Amino acid sequence: MSTEVRPPKRLNPLRDLKPRELEIARLVGEGHSRAAVARRLSESVLTIKTQLNSVFRKLGVESRAKLMAMLR
């Protein structure tokens, strides 16, 4: 019998995202490329890439497909 206590899974991990990260996640979730998101938000592609990596880390996903599935 294991005595390890695991923290409960967050019911809504999207709450951990900053408003801009959530906006980027939603646009990527709609299928937009990093370049398209950058143009739409008047940011550099590098900025979008950095923020998207932060989104992946905070949500515990490793791909756009997993992000899209989480946002459904």
PDB file of N, CA and C in Angstrom:
ATOM      1  N   MET A   1       0.843  -1.182   0.000  1.00  0.00           N
ATOM      2  CA  MET A   1       0.000   0.000   0.000  1.00  0.00           C
ATOM      3  C   MET A   1       0.886   1.242   0.000  1.00  0.00           C
ATOM      4  N   SER A   2       0.608   2.142  -0.890  1.00  0.00           N
ATOM      5  CA  SER A   2       1.414   3.346  -1.033  1.00  0.00           C
ATOM      6  C   SER A   2       0.899   4.443  -0.111  1.00  0.00           C
ATOM      7  N   THR A   3       1.827   5.144   0.516  1.00  0.00           N
ATOM      8  CA  THR A   3       1.441   6.261   1.375  1.00  0.00           C
ATOM      9  C   THR A   3       1.727   7.597   0.702  1.00  0.00           C
ATOM     10  N   GLU A   4       2.120   7.526  -0.557  1.00  0.00           N
ATOM     11  CA  GLU A   4       2.431   8.749  -1.294  1.00  0.00           C
ATOM     12  C   GLU A   4       1.160   9.569  -1.500  1.00  0.00           C
ATOM     13  N   VAL A   5       1.244  10.833  -1.170  1.00  0.00           N
ATOM     14  CA  VAL A   5       0.111  11.735  -1.352  1.00  0.00           C
ATOM     15  C   VAL A   5       0.362  12.547  -2.612  1.00  0.00           C
ATOM     16  N   ARG A   6      -0.571  12.471  -3.526  1.00  0.00           N
ATOM     17  CA  ARG A   6      -0.443  13.218  -4.780  1.00  0.00           C
ATOM     18  C   ARG A   6      -1.339  14.446  -4.722  1.00  0.00           C
ATOM     19  N   PRO A   7      -0.828  15.567  -5.216  1.00  0.00           N
ATOM     20  CA  PRO A   7      -1.694  16.748  -5.240  1.00  0.00           C
ATOM     21  C   PRO A   7      -2.822  16.542  -6.239  1.00  0.00           C
ATOM     22  N   PRO A   8      -3.980  17.116  -5.964  1.00  0.00           N
ATOM     23  CA  PRO A   8      -5.096  16.954  -6.908  1.00  0.00           C
ATOM     24  C   PRO A   8      -4.780  17.655  -8.225  1.00  0.00           C
ATOM     25  N   LYS A   9      -5.289  17.088  -9.309  1.00  0.00           N
ATOM     26  CA  LYS A   9      -5.115  17.734 -10.610  1.00  0.00           C
ATOM     27  C   LYS A   9      -5.961  18.997 -10.631  1.00  0.00           C
ATOM     28  N   ARG A  10      -5.413  20.014 -11.268  1.00  0.00           N
ATOM     29  CA  ARG A  10      -6.159  21.266 -11.394  1.00  0.00           C
ATOM     30  C   ARG A  10      -7.370  21.035 -12.284  1.00  0.00           C
ATOM     31  N   LEU A  11      -8.484  21.547 -11.864  1.00  0.00           N
ATOM     32  CA  LEU A  11      -9.691  21.399 -12.658  1.00  0.00           C
ATOM     33  C   LEU A  11      -9.625  22.240 -13.927  1.00  0.00           C
ATOM     34  N   ASN A  12      -8.985  23.393 -13.848  1.00  0.00           N
ATOM     35  CA  ASN A  12      -8.871  24.268 -15.005  1.00  0.00           C
ATOM     36  C   ASN A  12      -7.452  24.821 -15.079  1.00  0.00           C
ATOM     37  N   PRO A  13      -6.536  24.089 -15.717  1.00  0.00           N
ATOM     38  CA  PRO A  13      -5.149  24.549 -15.781  1.00  0.00           C
ATOM     39  C   PRO A  13      -4.991  25.840 -16.581  1.00  0.00           C
ATOM     40  N   LEU A  14      -5.992  26.208 -17.373  1.00  0.00           N
ATOM     41  CA  LEU A  14      -5.907  27.450 -18.145  1.00  0.00           C
ATOM     42  C   LEU A  14      -5.861  28.672 -17.233  1.00  0.00           C
ATOM     43  N   ARG A  15      -6.308  28.518 -15.998  1.00  0.00           N
ATOM     44  CA  ARG A  15      -6.264  29.630 -15.038  1.00  0.00           C
ATOM     45  C   ARG A  15      -4.834  30.043 -14.709  1.00  0.00           C
ATOM     46  N   ASP A  16      -3.874  29.155 -14.951  1.00  0.00           N
ATOM     47  CA  ASP A  16      -2.475  29.464 -14.672  1.00  0.00           C
ATOM     48  C   ASP A  16      -1.858  30.366 -15.737  1.00  0.00           C
ATOM     49  N   LEU A  17      -2.560  30.552 -16.844  1.00  0.00           N
ATOM     50  CA  LEU A  17      -2.020  31.343 -17.944  1.00  0.00           C
ATOM     51  C   LEU A  17      -2.310  32.826 -17.760  1.00  0.00           C
ATOM     52  N   LYS A  18      -1.347  33.638 -18.195  1.00  0.00           N
ATOM     53  CA  LYS A  18      -1.564  35.083 -18.241  1.00  0.00           C
ATOM     54  C   LYS A  18      -2.528  35.359 -19.392  1.00  0.00           C
ATOM     55  N   PRO A  19      -3.212  36.505 -19.369  1.00  0.00           N
ATOM     56  CA  PRO A  19      -4.175  36.802 -20.441  1.00  0.00           C
ATOM     57  C   PRO A  19      -3.577  36.701 -21.849  1.00  0.00           C
ATOM     58  N   ARG A  20      -2.365  37.197 -22.048  1.00  0.00           N
ATOM     59  CA  ARG A  20      -1.752  37.137 -23.377  1.00  0.00           C
ATOM     60  C   ARG A  20      -1.433  35.693 -23.758  1.00  0.00           C
ATOM     61  N   GLU A  21      -0.972  34.892 -22.791  1.00  0.00           N
ATOM     62  CA  GLU A  21      -0.692  33.481 -23.062  1.00  0.00           C
ATOM     63  C   GLU A  21      -1.972  32.748 -23.454  1.00  0.00           C
ATOM     64  N   LEU A  22      -3.052  33.057 -22.788  1.00  0.00           N
ATOM     65  CA  LEU A  22      -4.336  32.432 -23.106  1.00  0.00           C
ATOM     66  C   LEU A  22      -4.782  32.819 -24.514  1.00  0.00           C
ATOM     67  N   GLU A  23      -4.587  34.086 -24.864  1.00  0.00           N
ATOM     68  CA  GLU A  23      -4.940  34.551 -26.208  1.00  0.00           C
ATOM     69  C   GLU A  23      -4.126  33.801 -27.263  1.00  0.00           C
ATOM     70  N   ILE A  24      -2.835  33.647 -27.016  1.00  0.00           N
ATOM     71  CA  ILE A  24      -1.962  32.918 -27.945  1.00  0.00           C
ATOM     72  C   ILE A  24      -2.381  31.458 -28.019  1.00  0.00           C
ATOM     73  N   ALA A  25      -2.652  30.850 -26.875  1.00  0.00           N
ATOM     74  CA  ALA A  25      -3.069  29.445 -26.851  1.00  0.00           C
ATOM     75  C   ALA A  25      -4.344  29.245 -27.662  1.00  0.00           C
ATOM     76  N   ARG A  26      -5.284  30.144 -27.520  1.00  0.00           N
ATOM     77  CA  ARG A  26      -6.550  30.015 -28.257  1.00  0.00           C
ATOM     78  C   ARG A  26      -6.333  30.163 -29.758  1.00  0.00           C
ATOM     79  N   LEU A  27      -5.485  31.111 -30.164  1.00  0.00           N
ATOM     80  CA  LEU A  27      -5.217  31.296 -31.592  1.00  0.00           C
ATOM     81  C   LEU A  27      -4.503  30.078 -32.177  1.00  0.00           C
ATOM     82  N   VAL A  28      -3.524  29.562 -31.456  1.00  0.00           N
ATOM     83  CA  VAL A  28      -2.824  28.355 -31.910  1.00  0.00           C
ATOM     84  C   VAL A  28      -3.799  27.181 -31.919  1.00  0.00           C
ATOM     85  N   GLY A  29      -4.666  27.128 -30.916  1.00  0.00           N
ATOM     86  CA  GLY A  29      -5.677  26.080 -30.856  1.00  0.00           C
ATOM     87  C   GLY A  29      -6.651  26.116 -32.024  1.00  0.00           C
ATOM     88  N   GLU A  30      -6.820  27.292 -32.610  1.00  0.00           N
ATOM     89  CA  GLU A  30      -7.671  27.431 -33.797  1.00  0.00           C
ATOM     90  C   GLU A  30      -6.928  27.033 -35.073  1.00  0.00           C
ATOM     91  N   GLY A  31      -5.636  26.731 -34.925  1.00  0.00           N
ATOM     92  CA  GLY A  31      -4.868  26.278 -36.079  1.00  0.00           C
ATOM     93  C   GLY A  31      -3.963  27.317 -36.711  1.00  0.00           C
ATOM     94  N   HIS A  32      -3.857  28.495 -36.102  1.00  0.00           N
ATOM     95  CA  HIS A  32      -2.993  29.539 -36.650  1.00  0.00           C
ATOM     96  C   HIS A  32      -1.520  29.208 -36.401  1.00  0.00           C
ATOM     97  N   SER A  33      -0.677  29.543 -37.348  1.00  0.00           N
ATOM     98  CA  SER A  33       0.768  29.346 -37.191  1.00  0.00           C
ATOM     99  C   SER A  33       1.325  30.421 -36.257  1.00  0.00           C
ATOM    100  N   ARG A  34       2.561  30.200 -35.787  1.00  0.00           N
ATOM    101  CA  ARG A  34       3.204  31.222 -34.949  1.00  0.00           C
ATOM    102  C   ARG A  34       3.312  32.539 -35.703  1.00  0.00           C
ATOM    103  N   ALA A  35       3.658  32.464 -36.995  1.00  0.00           N
ATOM    104  CA  ALA A  35       3.797  33.682 -37.802  1.00  0.00           C
ATOM    105  C   ALA A  35       2.461  34.416 -37.914  1.00  0.00           C
ATOM    106  N   ALA A  36       1.382  33.675 -38.113  1.00  0.00           N
ATOM    107  CA  ALA A  36       0.057  34.293 -38.221  1.00  0.00           C
ATOM    108  C   ALA A  36      -0.356  34.929 -36.896  1.00  0.00           C
ATOM    109  N   VAL A  37      -0.061  34.248 -35.796  1.00  0.00           N
ATOM    110  CA  VAL A  37      -0.377  34.794 -34.472  1.00  0.00           C
ATOM    111  C   VAL A  37       0.435  36.067 -34.240  1.00  0.00           C
ATOM    112  N   ALA A  38       1.712  36.038 -34.609  1.00  0.00           N
ATOM    113  CA  ALA A  38       2.579  37.206 -34.437  1.00  0.00           C
ATOM    114  C   ALA A  38       2.035  38.403 -35.215  1.00  0.00           C
ATOM    115  N   ARG A  39       1.637  38.174 -36.453  1.00  0.00           N
ATOM    116  CA  ARG A  39       1.073  39.269 -37.260  1.00  0.00           C
ATOM    117  C   ARG A  39      -0.206  39.807 -36.625  1.00  0.00           C
ATOM    118  N   ARG A  40      -1.058  38.903 -36.213  1.00  0.00           N
ATOM    119  CA  ARG A  40      -2.354  39.305 -35.649  1.00  0.00           C
ATOM    120  C   ARG A  40      -2.195  40.110 -34.363  1.00  0.00           C
ATOM    121  N   LEU A  41      -1.187  39.746 -33.552  1.00  0.00           N
ATOM    122  CA  LEU A  41      -0.994  40.405 -32.259  1.00  0.00           C
ATOM    123  C   LEU A  41       0.092  41.477 -32.289  1.00  0.00           C
ATOM    124  N   SER A  42       0.639  41.742 -33.464  1.00  0.00           N
ATOM    125  CA  SER A  42       1.712  42.740 -33.629  1.00  0.00           C
ATOM    126  C   SER A  42       2.903  42.444 -32.721  1.00  0.00           C
ATOM    127  N   GLU A  43       3.323  41.193 -32.727  1.00  0.00           N
ATOM    128  CA  GLU A  43       4.478  40.733 -31.954  1.00  0.00           C
ATOM    129  C   GLU A  43       5.458  40.069 -32.903  1.00  0.00           C
ATOM    130  N   SER A  44       6.668  39.827 -32.424  1.00  0.00           N
ATOM    131  CA  SER A  44       7.627  39.084 -33.241  1.00  0.00           C
ATOM    132  C   SER A  44       7.328  37.590 -33.127  1.00  0.00           C
ATOM    133  N   VAL A  45       7.763  36.849 -34.122  1.00  0.00           N
ATOM    134  CA  VAL A  45       7.581  35.395 -34.095  1.00  0.00           C
ATOM    135  C   VAL A  45       8.329  34.810 -32.899  1.00  0.00           C
ATOM    136  N   LEU A  46       9.502  35.356 -32.588  1.00  0.00           N
ATOM    137  CA  LEU A  46      10.277  34.864 -31.445  1.00  0.00           C
ATOM    138  C   LEU A  46       9.508  35.068 -30.138  1.00  0.00           C
ATOM    139  N   THR A  47       8.850  36.202 -29.994  1.00  0.00           N
ATOM    140  CA  THR A  47       8.043  36.455 -28.791  1.00  0.00           C
ATOM    141  C   THR A  47       6.915  35.438 -28.680  1.00  0.00           C
ATOM    142  N   ILE A  48       6.250  35.171 -29.777  1.00  0.00           N
ATOM    143  CA  ILE A  48       5.155  34.188 -29.773  1.00  0.00           C
ATOM    144  C   ILE A  48       5.701  32.806 -29.435  1.00  0.00           C
ATOM    145  N   LYS A  49       6.848  32.453 -30.015  1.00  0.00           N
ATOM    146  CA  LYS A  49       7.460  31.147 -29.734  1.00  0.00           C
ATOM    147  C   LYS A  49       7.772  31.021 -28.245  1.00  0.00           C
ATOM    148  N   THR A  50       8.347  32.066 -27.663  1.00  0.00           N
ATOM    149  CA  THR A  50       8.692  32.052 -26.239  1.00  0.00           C
ATOM    150  C   THR A  50       7.442  31.914 -25.375  1.00  0.00           C
ATOM    151  N   GLN A  51       6.414  32.690 -25.688  1.00  0.00           N
ATOM    152  CA  GLN A  51       5.185  32.626 -24.899  1.00  0.00           C
ATOM    153  C   GLN A  51       4.469  31.289 -25.085  1.00  0.00           C
ATOM    154  N   LEU A  52       4.533  30.743 -26.280  1.00  0.00           N
ATOM    155  CA  LEU A  52       3.906  29.444 -26.529  1.00  0.00           C
ATOM    156  C   LEU A  52       4.630  28.341 -25.758  1.00  0.00           C
ATOM    157  N   ASN A  53       5.953  28.431 -25.675  1.00  0.00           N
ATOM    158  CA  ASN A  53       6.708  27.462 -24.867  1.00  0.00           C
ATOM    159  C   ASN A  53       6.299  27.554 -23.401  1.00  0.00           C
ATOM    160  N   SER A  54       6.050  28.762 -22.925  1.00  0.00           N
ATOM    161  CA  SER A  54       5.587  28.950 -21.550  1.00  0.00           C
ATOM    162  C   SER A  54       4.210  28.315 -21.354  1.00  0.00           C
ATOM    163  N   VAL A  55       3.343  28.476 -22.338  1.00  0.00           N
ATOM    164  CA  VAL A  55       2.005  27.863 -22.295  1.00  0.00           C
ATOM    165  C   VAL A  55       2.135  26.346 -22.212  1.00  0.00           C
ATOM    166  N   PHE A  56       2.966  25.764 -23.073  1.00  0.00           N
ATOM    167  CA  PHE A  56       3.163  24.309 -23.074  1.00  0.00           C
ATOM    168  C   PHE A  56       3.636  23.835 -21.702  1.00  0.00           C
ATOM    169  N   ARG A  57       4.607  24.559 -21.127  1.00  0.00           N
ATOM    170  CA  ARG A  57       5.167  24.163 -19.838  1.00  0.00           C
ATOM    171  C   ARG A  57       4.103  24.244 -18.743  1.00  0.00           C
ATOM    172  N   LYS A  58       3.370  25.347 -18.700  1.00  0.00           N
ATOM    173  CA  LYS A  58       2.354  25.535 -17.658  1.00  0.00           C
ATOM    174  C   LYS A  58       1.223  24.519 -17.757  1.00  0.00           C
ATOM    175  N   LEU A  59       0.886  24.125 -18.978  1.00  0.00           N
ATOM    176  CA  LEU A  59      -0.220  23.184 -19.169  1.00  0.00           C
ATOM    177  C   LEU A  59       0.241  21.730 -19.199  1.00  0.00           C
ATOM    178  N   GLY A  60       1.558  21.524 -19.251  1.00  0.00           N
ATOM    179  CA  GLY A  60       2.079  20.160 -19.267  1.00  0.00           C
ATOM    180  C   GLY A  60       1.840  19.443 -20.578  1.00  0.00           C
ATOM    181  N   VAL A  61       1.832  20.196 -21.677  1.00  0.00           N
ATOM    182  CA  VAL A  61       1.670  19.585 -22.994  1.00  0.00           C
ATOM    183  C   VAL A  61       2.961  19.752 -23.788  1.00  0.00           C
ATOM    184  N   GLU A  62       3.132  18.890 -24.783  1.00  0.00           N
ATOM    185  CA  GLU A  62       4.373  18.912 -25.553  1.00  0.00           C
ATOM    186  C   GLU A  62       4.153  19.164 -27.035  1.00  0.00           C
ATOM    187  N   SER A  63       2.912  19.371 -27.436  1.00  0.00           N
ATOM    188  CA  SER A  63       2.660  19.564 -28.862  1.00  0.00           C
ATOM    189  C   SER A  63       1.419  20.423 -29.068  1.00  0.00           C
ATOM    190  N   ARG A  64       1.327  20.965 -30.273  1.00  0.00           N
ATOM    191  CA  ARG A  64       0.143  21.736 -30.642  1.00  0.00           C
ATOM    192  C   ARG A  64      -1.106  20.862 -30.599  1.00  0.00           C
ATOM    193  N   ALA A  65      -0.965  19.620 -31.035  1.00  0.00           N
ATOM    194  CA  ALA A  65      -2.116  18.707 -31.049  1.00  0.00           C
ATOM    195  C   ALA A  65      -2.669  18.510 -29.638  1.00  0.00           C
ATOM    196  N   LYS A  66      -1.783  18.340 -28.664  1.00  0.00           N
ATOM    197  CA  LYS A  66      -2.236  18.162 -27.278  1.00  0.00           C
ATOM    198  C   LYS A  66      -2.845  19.448 -26.735  1.00  0.00           C
ATOM    199  N   LEU A  67      -2.278  20.578 -27.143  1.00  0.00           N
ATOM    200  CA  LEU A  67      -2.852  21.862 -26.740  1.00  0.00           C
ATOM    201  C   LEU A  67      -4.256  22.007 -27.312  1.00  0.00           C
ATOM    202  N   MET A  68      -4.410  21.690 -28.582  1.00  0.00           N
ATOM    203  CA  MET A  68      -5.721  21.791 -29.230  1.00  0.00           C
ATOM    204  C   MET A  68      -6.740  20.880 -28.544  1.00  0.00           C
ATOM    205  N   ALA A  69      -6.314  19.674 -28.182  1.00  0.00           N
ATOM    206  CA  ALA A  69      -7.212  18.738 -27.498  1.00  0.00           C
ATOM    207  C   ALA A  69      -7.627  19.282 -26.133  1.00  0.00           C
ATOM    208  N   MET A  70      -6.702  19.916 -25.441  1.00  0.00           N
ATOM    209  CA  MET A  70      -7.003  20.460 -24.122  1.00  0.00           C
ATOM    210  C   MET A  70      -7.988  21.626 -24.213  1.00  0.00           C
ATOM    211  N   LEU A  71      -7.905  22.390 -25.277  1.00  0.00           N
ATOM    212  CA  LEU A  71      -8.760  23.570 -25.424  1.00  0.00           C
ATOM    213  C   LEU A  71     -10.174  23.235 -25.878  1.00  0.00           C
ATOM    214  N   ARG A  72     -10.400  22.007 -26.310  1.00  0.00           N
ATOM    215  CA  ARG A  72     -11.747  21.614 -26.771  1.00  0.00           C
ATOM    216  C   ARG A  72     -12.696  21.460 -25.630  1.00  0.00           C
TER     217      ARG A  72
END
